[in-house]
Amino acid sequence: MRILITPTGYVHESGDVPVEGKSYFLEDATSGSLAQSKAWHALLQEYWRSGQHSYDAHSFSDFRDLVKRDLGAGFEAYVYADKNGLHKVKKPRRGT
């Protein structure tokens, strides 16, 4: 089901109609759902456990980041070094 929350209530957009008296978990439809995330991580975990990959990763976290990078899913952070040491950055600098 997909609904749009409005100041006066909601608008039913697709799927089953919400039932009065029933509880629902609400997720933002503009991003991936929790179910998609769980499925992704379950598949990725099985791939990691199988050992049938060519990634040079030393942990599941490293492996996950490498796969996301290669699939175009973006990144969570990157690391760079300068004269002040190592820096972990959460998003790229724009305009440079």
PDB file of N, CA and C in Angstrom:
ATOM      1  N   MET A   1       0.837  -1.164   0.000  1.00  0.00           N
ATOM      2  CA  MET A   1       0.000   0.000   0.000  1.00  0.00           C
ATOM      3  C   MET A   1       0.884   1.230   0.000  1.00  0.00           C
ATOM      4  N   ARG A   2       0.441   2.241  -0.677  1.00  0.00           N
ATOM      5  CA  ARG A   2       1.165   3.515  -0.691  1.00  0.00           C
ATOM      6  C   ARG A   2       0.160   4.616  -0.388  1.00  0.00           C
ATOM      7  N   ILE A   3       0.474   5.431   0.613  1.00  0.00           N
ATOM      8  CA  ILE A   3      -0.391   6.548   0.972  1.00  0.00           C
ATOM      9  C   ILE A   3       0.436   7.822   1.049  1.00  0.00           C
ATOM     10  N   LEU A   4      -0.211   8.950   0.884  1.00  0.00           N
ATOM     11  CA  LEU A   4       0.424  10.257   0.999  1.00  0.00           C
ATOM     12  C   LEU A   4      -0.196  10.945   2.202  1.00  0.00           C
ATOM     13  N   ILE A   5       0.622  11.317   3.169  1.00  0.00           N
ATOM     14  CA  ILE A   5       0.138  12.018   4.355  1.00  0.00           C
ATOM     15  C   ILE A   5      -0.107  13.479   3.995  1.00  0.00           C
ATOM     16  N   THR A   6      -1.280  13.986   4.329  1.00  0.00           N
ATOM     17  CA  THR A   6      -1.640  15.383   4.067  1.00  0.00           C
ATOM     18  C   THR A   6      -2.023  16.061   5.378  1.00  0.00           C
ATOM     19  N   PRO A   7      -2.147  17.384   5.394  1.00  0.00           N
ATOM     20  CA  PRO A   7      -2.542  18.073   6.630  1.00  0.00           C
ATOM     21  C   PRO A   7      -3.918  17.642   7.154  1.00  0.00           C
ATOM     22  N   THR A   8      -4.763  17.132   6.264  1.00  0.00           N
ATOM     23  CA  THR A   8      -6.113  16.741   6.683  1.00  0.00           C
ATOM     24  C   THR A   8      -6.278  15.236   6.838  1.00  0.00           C
ATOM     25  N   GLY A   9      -5.235  14.470   6.687  1.00  0.00           N
ATOM     26  CA  GLY A   9      -5.336  13.014   6.798  1.00  0.00           C
ATOM     27  C   GLY A   9      -4.371  12.337   5.849  1.00  0.00           C
ATOM     28  N   TYR A  10      -4.904  11.536   4.921  1.00  0.00           N
ATOM     29  CA  TYR A  10      -4.046  10.861   3.951  1.00  0.00           C
ATOM     30  C   TYR A  10      -4.803  10.667   2.643  1.00  0.00           C
ATOM     31  N   VAL A  11      -4.029  10.416   1.574  1.00  0.00           N
ATOM     32  CA  VAL A  11      -4.580  10.093   0.255  1.00  0.00           C
ATOM     33  C   VAL A  11      -4.072   8.707  -0.101  1.00  0.00           C
ATOM     34  N   HIS A  12      -4.986   7.794  -0.412  1.00  0.00           N
ATOM     35  CA  HIS A  12      -4.617   6.448  -0.828  1.00  0.00           C
ATOM     36  C   HIS A  12      -4.098   6.515  -2.257  1.00  0.00           C
ATOM     37  N   GLU A  13      -2.864   6.056  -2.491  1.00  0.00           N
ATOM     38  CA  GLU A  13      -2.267   6.131  -3.829  1.00  0.00           C
ATOM     39  C   GLU A  13      -2.261   4.788  -4.552  1.00  0.00           C
ATOM     40  N   SER A  14      -2.007   3.703  -3.840  1.00  0.00           N
ATOM     41  CA  SER A  14      -1.995   2.398  -4.492  1.00  0.00           C
ATOM     42  C   SER A  14      -2.030   1.282  -3.459  1.00  0.00           C
ATOM     43  N   GLY A  15      -2.322   0.075  -3.923  1.00  0.00           N
ATOM     44  CA  GLY A  15      -2.336  -1.089  -3.061  1.00  0.00           C
ATOM     45  C   GLY A  15      -3.586  -1.173  -2.201  1.00  0.00           C
ATOM     46  N   ASP A  16      -3.515  -2.025  -1.176  1.00  0.00           N
ATOM     47  CA  ASP A  16      -4.649  -2.201  -0.269  1.00  0.00           C
ATOM     48  C   ASP A  16      -4.969  -0.907   0.466  1.00  0.00           C
ATOM     49  N   VAL A  17      -6.222  -0.730   0.791  1.00  0.00           N
ATOM     50  CA  VAL A  17      -6.666   0.439   1.549  1.00  0.00           C
ATOM     51  C   VAL A  17      -6.399   0.177   3.033  1.00  0.00           C
ATOM     52  N   PRO A  18      -5.846   1.174   3.760  1.00  0.00           N
ATOM     53  CA  PRO A  18      -5.637   0.978   5.203  1.00  0.00           C
ATOM     54  C   PRO A  18      -6.965   0.663   5.903  1.00  0.00           C
ATOM     55  N   VAL A  19      -6.903  -0.218   6.880  1.00  0.00           N
ATOM     56  CA  VAL A  19      -8.100  -0.641   7.605  1.00  0.00           C
ATOM     57  C   VAL A  19      -8.134   0.058   8.955  1.00  0.00           C
ATOM     58  N   GLU A  20      -9.266   0.639   9.279  1.00  0.00           N
ATOM     59  CA  GLU A  20      -9.423   1.306  10.572  1.00  0.00           C
ATOM     60  C   GLU A  20      -9.235   0.292  11.701  1.00  0.00           C
ATOM     61  N   GLY A  21      -8.454   0.676  12.716  1.00  0.00           N
ATOM     62  CA  GLY A  21      -8.210  -0.183  13.858  1.00  0.00           C
ATOM     63  C   GLY A  21      -7.013  -1.110  13.708  1.00  0.00           C
ATOM     64  N   LYS A  22      -6.393  -1.122  12.550  1.00  0.00           N
ATOM     65  CA  LYS A  22      -5.218  -1.959  12.316  1.00  0.00           C
ATOM     66  C   LYS A  22      -3.968  -1.085  12.354  1.00  0.00           C
ATOM     67  N   SER A  23      -2.874  -1.585  12.932  1.00  0.00           N
ATOM     68  CA  SER A  23      -1.613  -0.844  13.016  1.00  0.00           C
ATOM     69  C   SER A  23      -0.730  -1.173  11.816  1.00  0.00           C
ATOM     70  N   TYR A  24       0.009  -0.171  11.352  1.00  0.00           N
ATOM     71  CA  TYR A  24       0.921  -0.339  10.224  1.00  0.00           C
ATOM     72  C   TYR A  24       2.274   0.279  10.571  1.00  0.00           C
ATOM     73  N   PHE A  25       3.333  -0.261   9.997  1.00  0.00           N
ATOM     74  CA  PHE A  25       4.638   0.361  10.083  1.00  0.00           C
ATOM     75  C   PHE A  25       4.725   1.355   8.934  1.00  0.00           C
ATOM     76  N   LEU A  26       5.182   2.555   9.215  1.00  0.00           N
ATOM     77  CA  LEU A  26       5.252   3.599   8.205  1.00  0.00           C
ATOM     78  C   LEU A  26       6.699   3.793   7.768  1.00  0.00           C
ATOM     79  N   GLU A  27       6.945   3.721   6.461  1.00  0.00           N
ATOM     80  CA  GLU A  27       8.269   3.963   5.901  1.00  0.00           C
ATOM     81  C   GLU A  27       8.167   5.018   4.817  1.00  0.00           C
ATOM     82  N   ASP A  28       9.196   5.814   4.669  1.00  0.00           N
ATOM     83  CA  ASP A  28       9.254   6.807   3.607  1.00  0.00           C
ATOM     84  C   ASP A  28       9.424   6.084   2.271  1.00  0.00           C
ATOM     85  N   ALA A  29       8.518   6.311   1.335  1.00  0.00           N
ATOM     86  CA  ALA A  29       8.542   5.609   0.051  1.00  0.00           C
ATOM     87  C   ALA A  29       9.575   6.162  -0.923  1.00  0.00           C
ATOM     88  N   THR A  30      10.261   7.258  -0.581  1.00  0.00           N
ATOM     89  CA  THR A  30      11.258   7.815  -1.500  1.00  0.00           C
ATOM     90  C   THR A  30      12.594   7.100  -1.408  1.00  0.00           C
ATOM     91  N   SER A  31      12.797   6.292  -0.375  1.00  0.00           N
ATOM     92  CA  SER A  31      14.041   5.538  -0.249  1.00  0.00           C
ATOM     93  C   SER A  31      13.715   4.049  -0.205  1.00  0.00           C
ATOM     94  N   GLY A  32      14.739   3.213  -0.229  1.00  0.00           N
ATOM     95  CA  GLY A  32      14.532   1.779  -0.177  1.00  0.00           C
ATOM     96  C   GLY A  32      13.861   1.357   1.113  1.00  0.00           C
ATOM     97  N   SER A  33      13.077   0.321   1.043  1.00  0.00           N
ATOM     98  CA  SER A  33      12.340  -0.124   2.212  1.00  0.00           C
ATOM     99  C   SER A  33      13.225  -0.975   3.123  1.00  0.00           C
ATOM    100  N   LEU A  34      12.760  -1.152   4.335  1.00  0.00           N
ATOM    101  CA  LEU A  34      13.459  -1.994   5.297  1.00  0.00           C
ATOM    102  C   LEU A  34      13.548  -3.430   4.772  1.00  0.00           C
ATOM    103  N   ALA A  35      12.484  -3.902   4.127  1.00  0.00           N
ATOM    104  CA  ALA A  35      12.495  -5.261   3.565  1.00  0.00           C
ATOM    105  C   ALA A  35      13.570  -5.394   2.491  1.00  0.00           C
ATOM    106  N   GLN A  36      13.717  -4.367   1.641  1.00  0.00           N
ATOM    107  CA  GLN A  36      14.766  -4.393   0.612  1.00  0.00           C
ATOM    108  C   GLN A  36      16.145  -4.420   1.251  1.00  0.00           C
ATOM    109  N   SER A  37      16.325  -3.628   2.292  1.00  0.00           N
ATOM    110  CA  SER A  37      17.612  -3.574   2.976  1.00  0.00           C
ATOM    111  C   SER A  37      17.962  -4.915   3.607  1.00  0.00           C
ATOM    112  N   LYS A  38      16.981  -5.540   4.252  1.00  0.00           N
ATOM    113  CA  LYS A  38      17.226  -6.848   4.872  1.00  0.00           C
ATOM    114  C   LYS A  38      17.581  -7.903   3.825  1.00  0.00           C
ATOM    115  N   ALA A  39      16.874  -7.881   2.704  1.00  0.00           N
ATOM    116  CA  ALA A  39      17.153  -8.850   1.639  1.00  0.00           C
ATOM    117  C   ALA A  39      18.547  -8.622   1.064  1.00  0.00           C
ATOM    118  N   TRP A  40      18.900  -7.364   0.827  1.00  0.00           N
ATOM    119  CA  TRP A  40      20.223  -7.014   0.296  1.00  0.00           C
ATOM    120  C   TRP A  40      21.319  -7.527   1.221  1.00  0.00           C
ATOM    121  N   HIS A  41      21.197  -7.257   2.524  1.00  0.00           N
ATOM    122  CA  HIS A  41      22.239  -7.659   3.458  1.00  0.00           C
ATOM    123  C   HIS A  41      22.292  -9.177   3.634  1.00  0.00           C
ATOM    124  N   ALA A  42      21.157  -9.851   3.549  1.00  0.00           N
ATOM    125  CA  ALA A  42      21.155 -11.317   3.634  1.00  0.00           C
ATOM    126  C   ALA A  42      21.887 -11.926   2.437  1.00  0.00           C
ATOM    127  N   LEU A  43      21.605 -11.409   1.241  1.00  0.00           N
ATOM    128  CA  LEU A  43      22.293 -11.905   0.041  1.00  0.00           C
ATOM    129  C   LEU A  43      23.780 -11.605   0.090  1.00  0.00           C
ATOM    130  N   LEU A  44      24.110 -10.405   0.516  1.00  0.00           N
ATOM    131  CA  LEU A  44      25.511 -10.013   0.599  1.00  0.00           C
ATOM    132  C   LEU A  44      26.268 -10.869   1.618  1.00  0.00           C
ATOM    133  N   GLN A  45      25.614 -11.164   2.743  1.00  0.00           N
ATOM    134  CA  GLN A  45      26.228 -11.998   3.780  1.00  0.00           C
ATOM    135  C   GLN A  45      26.515 -13.413   3.244  1.00  0.00           C
ATOM    136  N   GLU A  46      25.586 -13.961   2.482  1.00  0.00           N
ATOM    137  CA  GLU A  46      25.798 -15.289   1.899  1.00  0.00           C
ATOM    138  C   GLU A  46      26.950 -15.267   0.895  1.00  0.00           C
ATOM    139  N   TYR A  47      27.026 -14.210   0.106  1.00  0.00           N
ATOM    140  CA  TYR A  47      28.123 -14.055  -0.859  1.00  0.00           C
ATOM    141  C   TYR A  47      29.458 -14.000  -0.115  1.00  0.00           C
ATOM    142  N   TRP A  48      29.513 -13.243   0.983  1.00  0.00           N
ATOM    143  CA  TRP A  48      30.730 -13.122   1.794  1.00  0.00           C
ATOM    144  C   TRP A  48      31.119 -14.471   2.394  1.00  0.00           C
ATOM    145  N   ARG A  49      30.141 -15.174   2.969  1.00  0.00           N
ATOM    146  CA  ARG A  49      30.414 -16.466   3.616  1.00  0.00           C
ATOM    147  C   ARG A  49      30.868 -17.526   2.625  1.00  0.00           C
ATOM    148  N   SER A  50      30.386 -17.435   1.386  1.00  0.00           N
ATOM    149  CA  SER A  50      30.735 -18.452   0.393  1.00  0.00           C
ATOM    150  C   SER A  50      32.217 -18.411   0.035  1.00  0.00           C
ATOM    151  N   GLY A  51      32.813 -17.227   0.154  1.00  0.00           N
ATOM    152  CA  GLY A  51      34.210 -17.084  -0.228  1.00  0.00           C
ATOM    153  C   GLY A  51      34.420 -17.118  -1.736  1.00  0.00           C
ATOM    154  N   GLN A  52      33.355 -17.131  -2.499  1.00  0.00           N
ATOM    155  CA  GLN A  52      33.440 -17.242  -3.958  1.00  0.00           C
ATOM    156  C   GLN A  52      33.461 -15.870  -4.627  1.00  0.00           C
ATOM    157  N   HIS A  53      34.190 -14.955  -4.055  1.00  0.00           N
ATOM    158  CA  HIS A  53      34.313 -13.607  -4.608  1.00  0.00           C
ATOM    159  C   HIS A  53      35.790 -13.276  -4.751  1.00  0.00           C
ATOM    160  N   SER A  54      36.077 -12.270  -5.547  1.00  0.00           N
ATOM    161  CA  SER A  54      37.474 -11.897  -5.777  1.00  0.00           C
ATOM    162  C   SER A  54      37.830 -10.568  -5.100  1.00  0.00           C
ATOM    163  N   TYR A  55      36.991 -10.113  -4.188  1.00  0.00           N
ATOM    164  CA  TYR A  55      37.280  -8.865  -3.481  1.00  0.00           C
ATOM    165  C   TYR A  55      38.363  -9.084  -2.429  1.00  0.00           C
ATOM    166  N   ASP A  56      39.270  -8.136  -2.316  1.00  0.00           N
ATOM    167  CA  ASP A  56      40.327  -8.203  -1.312  1.00  0.00           C
ATOM    168  C   ASP A  56      39.842  -7.476  -0.056  1.00  0.00           C
ATOM    169  N   ALA A  57      38.882  -8.091   0.616  1.00  0.00           N
ATOM    170  CA  ALA A  57      38.291  -7.485   1.813  1.00  0.00           C
ATOM    171  C   ALA A  57      38.669  -8.324   3.027  1.00  0.00           C
ATOM    172  N   HIS A  58      38.931  -7.638   4.131  1.00  0.00           N
ATOM    173  CA  HIS A  58      39.347  -8.324   5.358  1.00  0.00           C
ATOM    174  C   HIS A  58      38.222  -8.437   6.372  1.00  0.00           C
ATOM    175  N   SER A  59      37.074  -7.813   6.066  1.00  0.00           N
ATOM    176  CA  SER A  59      35.911  -7.895   6.953  1.00  0.00           C
ATOM    177  C   SER A  59      34.651  -7.761   6.108  1.00  0.00           C
ATOM    178  N   PHE A  60      33.517  -8.147   6.695  1.00  0.00           N
ATOM    179  CA  PHE A  60      32.258  -8.011   5.970  1.00  0.00           C
ATOM    180  C   PHE A  60      31.980  -6.553   5.639  1.00  0.00           C
ATOM    181  N   SER A  61      32.311  -5.655   6.541  1.00  0.00           N
ATOM    182  CA  SER A  61      32.086  -4.225   6.317  1.00  0.00           C
ATOM    183  C   SER A  61      32.873  -3.736   5.101  1.00  0.00           C
ATOM    184  N   ASP A  62      34.148  -4.138   5.003  1.00  0.00           N
ATOM    185  CA  ASP A  62      34.967  -3.780   3.834  1.00  0.00           C
ATOM    186  C   ASP A  62      34.358  -4.355   2.555  1.00  0.00           C
ATOM    187  N   PHE A  63      33.952  -5.617   2.635  1.00  0.00           N
ATOM    188  CA  PHE A  63      33.355  -6.304   1.494  1.00  0.00           C
ATOM    189  C   PHE A  63      32.095  -5.570   1.025  1.00  0.00           C
ATOM    190  N   ARG A  64      31.220  -5.230   1.973  1.00  0.00           N
ATOM    191  CA  ARG A  64      29.979  -4.518   1.654  1.00  0.00           C
ATOM    192  C   ARG A  64      30.277  -3.195   0.944  1.00  0.00           C
ATOM    193  N   ASP A  65      31.243  -2.447   1.462  1.00  0.00           N
ATOM    194  CA  ASP A  65      31.595  -1.159   0.857  1.00  0.00           C
ATOM    195  C   ASP A  65      32.132  -1.319  -0.560  1.00  0.00           C
ATOM    196  N   LEU A  66      32.938  -2.353  -0.786  1.00  0.00           N
ATOM    197  CA  LEU A  66      33.486  -2.594  -2.118  1.00  0.00           C
ATOM    198  C   LEU A  66      32.392  -2.981  -3.115  1.00  0.00           C
ATOM    199  N   VAL A  67      31.474  -3.838  -2.683  1.00  0.00           N
ATOM    200  CA  VAL A  67      30.379  -4.243  -3.565  1.00  0.00           C
ATOM    201  C   VAL A  67      29.488  -3.049  -3.886  1.00  0.00           C
ATOM    202  N   LYS A  68      29.161  -2.246  -2.882  1.00  0.00           N
ATOM    203  CA  LYS A  68      28.328  -1.060  -3.113  1.00  0.00           C
ATOM    204  C   LYS A  68      29.014  -0.097  -4.082  1.00  0.00           C
ATOM    205  N   ARG A  69      30.316   0.063  -3.934  1.00  0.00           N
ATOM    206  CA  ARG A  69      31.066   0.931  -4.846  1.00  0.00           C
ATOM    207  C   ARG A  69      30.990   0.413  -6.277  1.00  0.00           C
ATOM    208  N   ASP A  70      31.213  -0.892  -6.445  1.00  0.00           N
ATOM    209  CA  ASP A  70      31.225  -1.473  -7.784  1.00  0.00           C
ATOM    210  C   ASP A  70      29.848  -1.501  -8.432  1.00  0.00           C
ATOM    211  N   LEU A  71      28.799  -1.600  -7.626  1.00  0.00           N
ATOM    212  CA  LEU A  71      27.441  -1.633  -8.168  1.00  0.00           C
ATOM    213  C   LEU A  71      26.857  -0.244  -8.365  1.00  0.00           C
ATOM    214  N   GLY A  72      27.605   0.778  -7.970  1.00  0.00           N
ATOM    215  CA  GLY A  72      27.119   2.132  -8.162  1.00  0.00           C
ATOM    216  C   GLY A  72      26.175   2.612  -7.086  1.00  0.00           C
ATOM    217  N   ALA A  73      26.165   1.938  -5.952  1.00  0.00           N
ATOM    218  CA  ALA A  73      25.257   2.315  -4.871  1.00  0.00           C
ATOM    219  C   ALA A  73      25.810   3.477  -4.052  1.00  0.00           C
ATOM    220  N   GLY A  74      26.952   3.994  -4.439  1.00  0.00           N
ATOM    221  CA  GLY A  74      27.539   5.107  -3.700  1.00  0.00           C
ATOM    222  C   GLY A  74      28.490   4.613  -2.632  1.00  0.00           C
ATOM    223  N   PHE A  75      28.685   5.432  -1.656  1.00  0.00           N
ATOM    224  CA  PHE A  75      29.606   5.098  -0.585  1.00  0.00           C
ATOM    225  C   PHE A  75      29.085   5.695   0.708  1.00  0.00           C
ATOM    226  N   GLU A  76      29.582   5.172   1.815  1.00  0.00           N
ATOM    227  CA  GLU A  76      29.222   5.720   3.114  1.00  0.00           C
ATOM    228  C   GLU A  76      30.274   6.719   3.583  1.00  0.00           C
ATOM    229  N   ALA A  77      31.500   6.523   3.128  1.00  0.00           N
ATOM    230  CA  ALA A  77      32.583   7.433   3.502  1.00  0.00           C
ATOM    231  C   ALA A  77      33.804   7.102   2.653  1.00  0.00           C
ATOM    232  N   TYR A  78      34.728   8.040   2.602  1.00  0.00           N
ATOM    233  CA  TYR A  78      36.015   7.734   1.997  1.00  0.00           C
ATOM    234  C   TYR A  78      37.106   8.311   2.885  1.00  0.00           C
ATOM    235  N   VAL A  79      38.305   7.808   2.702  1.00  0.00           N
ATOM    236  CA  VAL A  79      39.431   8.212   3.541  1.00  0.00           C
ATOM    237  C   VAL A  79      40.488   8.841   2.648  1.00  0.00           C
ATOM    238  N   TYR A  80      41.063   9.942   3.097  1.00  0.00           N
ATOM    239  CA  TYR A  80      42.190  10.535   2.381  1.00  0.00           C
ATOM    240  C   TYR A  80      43.221  10.997   3.393  1.00  0.00           C
ATOM    241  N   ALA A  81      44.435  11.167   2.929  1.00  0.00           N
ATOM    242  CA  ALA A  81      45.523  11.587   3.803  1.00  0.00           C
ATOM    243  C   ALA A  81      46.112  12.895   3.293  1.00  0.00           C
ATOM    244  N   ASP A  82      46.501  13.742   4.218  1.00  0.00           N
ATOM    245  CA  ASP A  82      47.243  14.954   3.884  1.00  0.00           C
ATOM    246  C   ASP A  82      48.291  15.160   4.979  1.00  0.00           C
ATOM    247  N   LYS A  83      48.923  16.315   5.012  1.00  0.00           N
ATOM    248  CA  LYS A  83      49.994  16.551   5.989  1.00  0.00           C
ATOM    249  C   LYS A  83      49.505  16.511   7.436  1.00  0.00           C
ATOM    250  N   ASN A  84      48.181  16.626   7.638  1.00  0.00           N
ATOM    251  CA  ASN A  84      47.615  16.581   8.991  1.00  0.00           C
ATOM    252  C   ASN A  84      47.179  15.183   9.413  1.00  0.00           C
ATOM    253  N   GLY A  85      47.311  14.193   8.537  1.00  0.00           N
ATOM    254  CA  GLY A  85      46.964  12.819   8.886  1.00  0.00           C
ATOM    255  C   GLY A  85      45.860  12.253   8.015  1.00  0.00           C
ATOM    256  N   LEU A  86      45.206  11.175   8.520  1.00  0.00           N
ATOM    257  CA  LEU A  86      44.114  10.515   7.813  1.00  0.00           C
ATOM    258  C   LEU A  86      42.793  11.167   8.181  1.00  0.00           C
ATOM    259  N   HIS A  87      41.892  11.274   7.179  1.00  0.00           N
ATOM    260  CA  HIS A  87      40.585  11.882   7.397  1.00  0.00           C
ATOM    261  C   HIS A  87      39.518  11.000   6.779  1.00  0.00           C
ATOM    262  N   LYS A  88      38.471  10.697   7.547  1.00  0.00           N
ATOM    263  CA  LYS A  88      37.324   9.949   7.034  1.00  0.00           C
ATOM    264  C   LYS A  88      36.226  10.961   6.736  1.00  0.00           C
ATOM    265  N   VAL A  89      35.755  10.964   5.505  1.00  0.00           N
ATOM    266  CA  VAL A  89      34.778  11.961   5.052  1.00  0.00           C
ATOM    267  C   VAL A  89      33.489  11.247   4.651  1.00  0.00           C
ATOM    268  N   LYS A  90      32.345  11.755   5.116  1.00  0.00           N
ATOM    269  CA  LYS A  90      31.047  11.130   4.842  1.00  0.00           C
ATOM    270  C   LYS A  90      30.456  11.498   3.494  1.00  0.00           C
ATOM    271  N   LYS A  91      30.796  12.675   2.945  1.00  0.00           N
ATOM    272  CA  LYS A  91      30.276  13.046   1.631  1.00  0.00           C
ATOM    273  C   LYS A  91      31.345  13.839   0.874  1.00  0.00           C
ATOM    274  N   PRO A  92      31.317  13.789  -0.451  1.00  0.00           N
ATOM    275  CA  PRO A  92      32.343  14.467  -1.241  1.00  0.00           C
ATOM    276  C   PRO A  92      32.207  15.983  -1.148  1.00  0.00           C
ATOM    277  N   ARG A  93      33.331  16.658  -1.241  1.00  0.00           N
ATOM    278  CA  ARG A  93      33.322  18.129  -1.299  1.00  0.00           C
ATOM    279  C   ARG A  93      32.919  18.540  -2.695  1.00  0.00           C
ATOM    280  N   ARG A  94      32.066  19.500  -2.778  1.00  0.00           N
ATOM    281  CA  ARG A  94      31.588  19.989  -4.081  1.00  0.00           C
ATOM    282  C   ARG A  94      32.337  21.264  -4.442  1.00  0.00           C
ATOM    283  N   GLY A  95      32.485  21.508  -5.729  1.00  0.00           N
ATOM    284  CA  GLY A  95      33.047  22.764  -6.206  1.00  0.00           C
ATOM    285  C   GLY A  95      34.558  22.862  -6.184  1.00  0.00           C
ATOM    286  N   THR A  96      35.265  21.739  -6.024  1.00  0.00           N
ATOM    287  CA  THR A  96      36.724  21.801  -6.038  1.00  0.00           C
ATOM    288  C   THR A  96      37.268  20.996  -7.187  1.00  0.00           C
TER     289      THR A  96
END
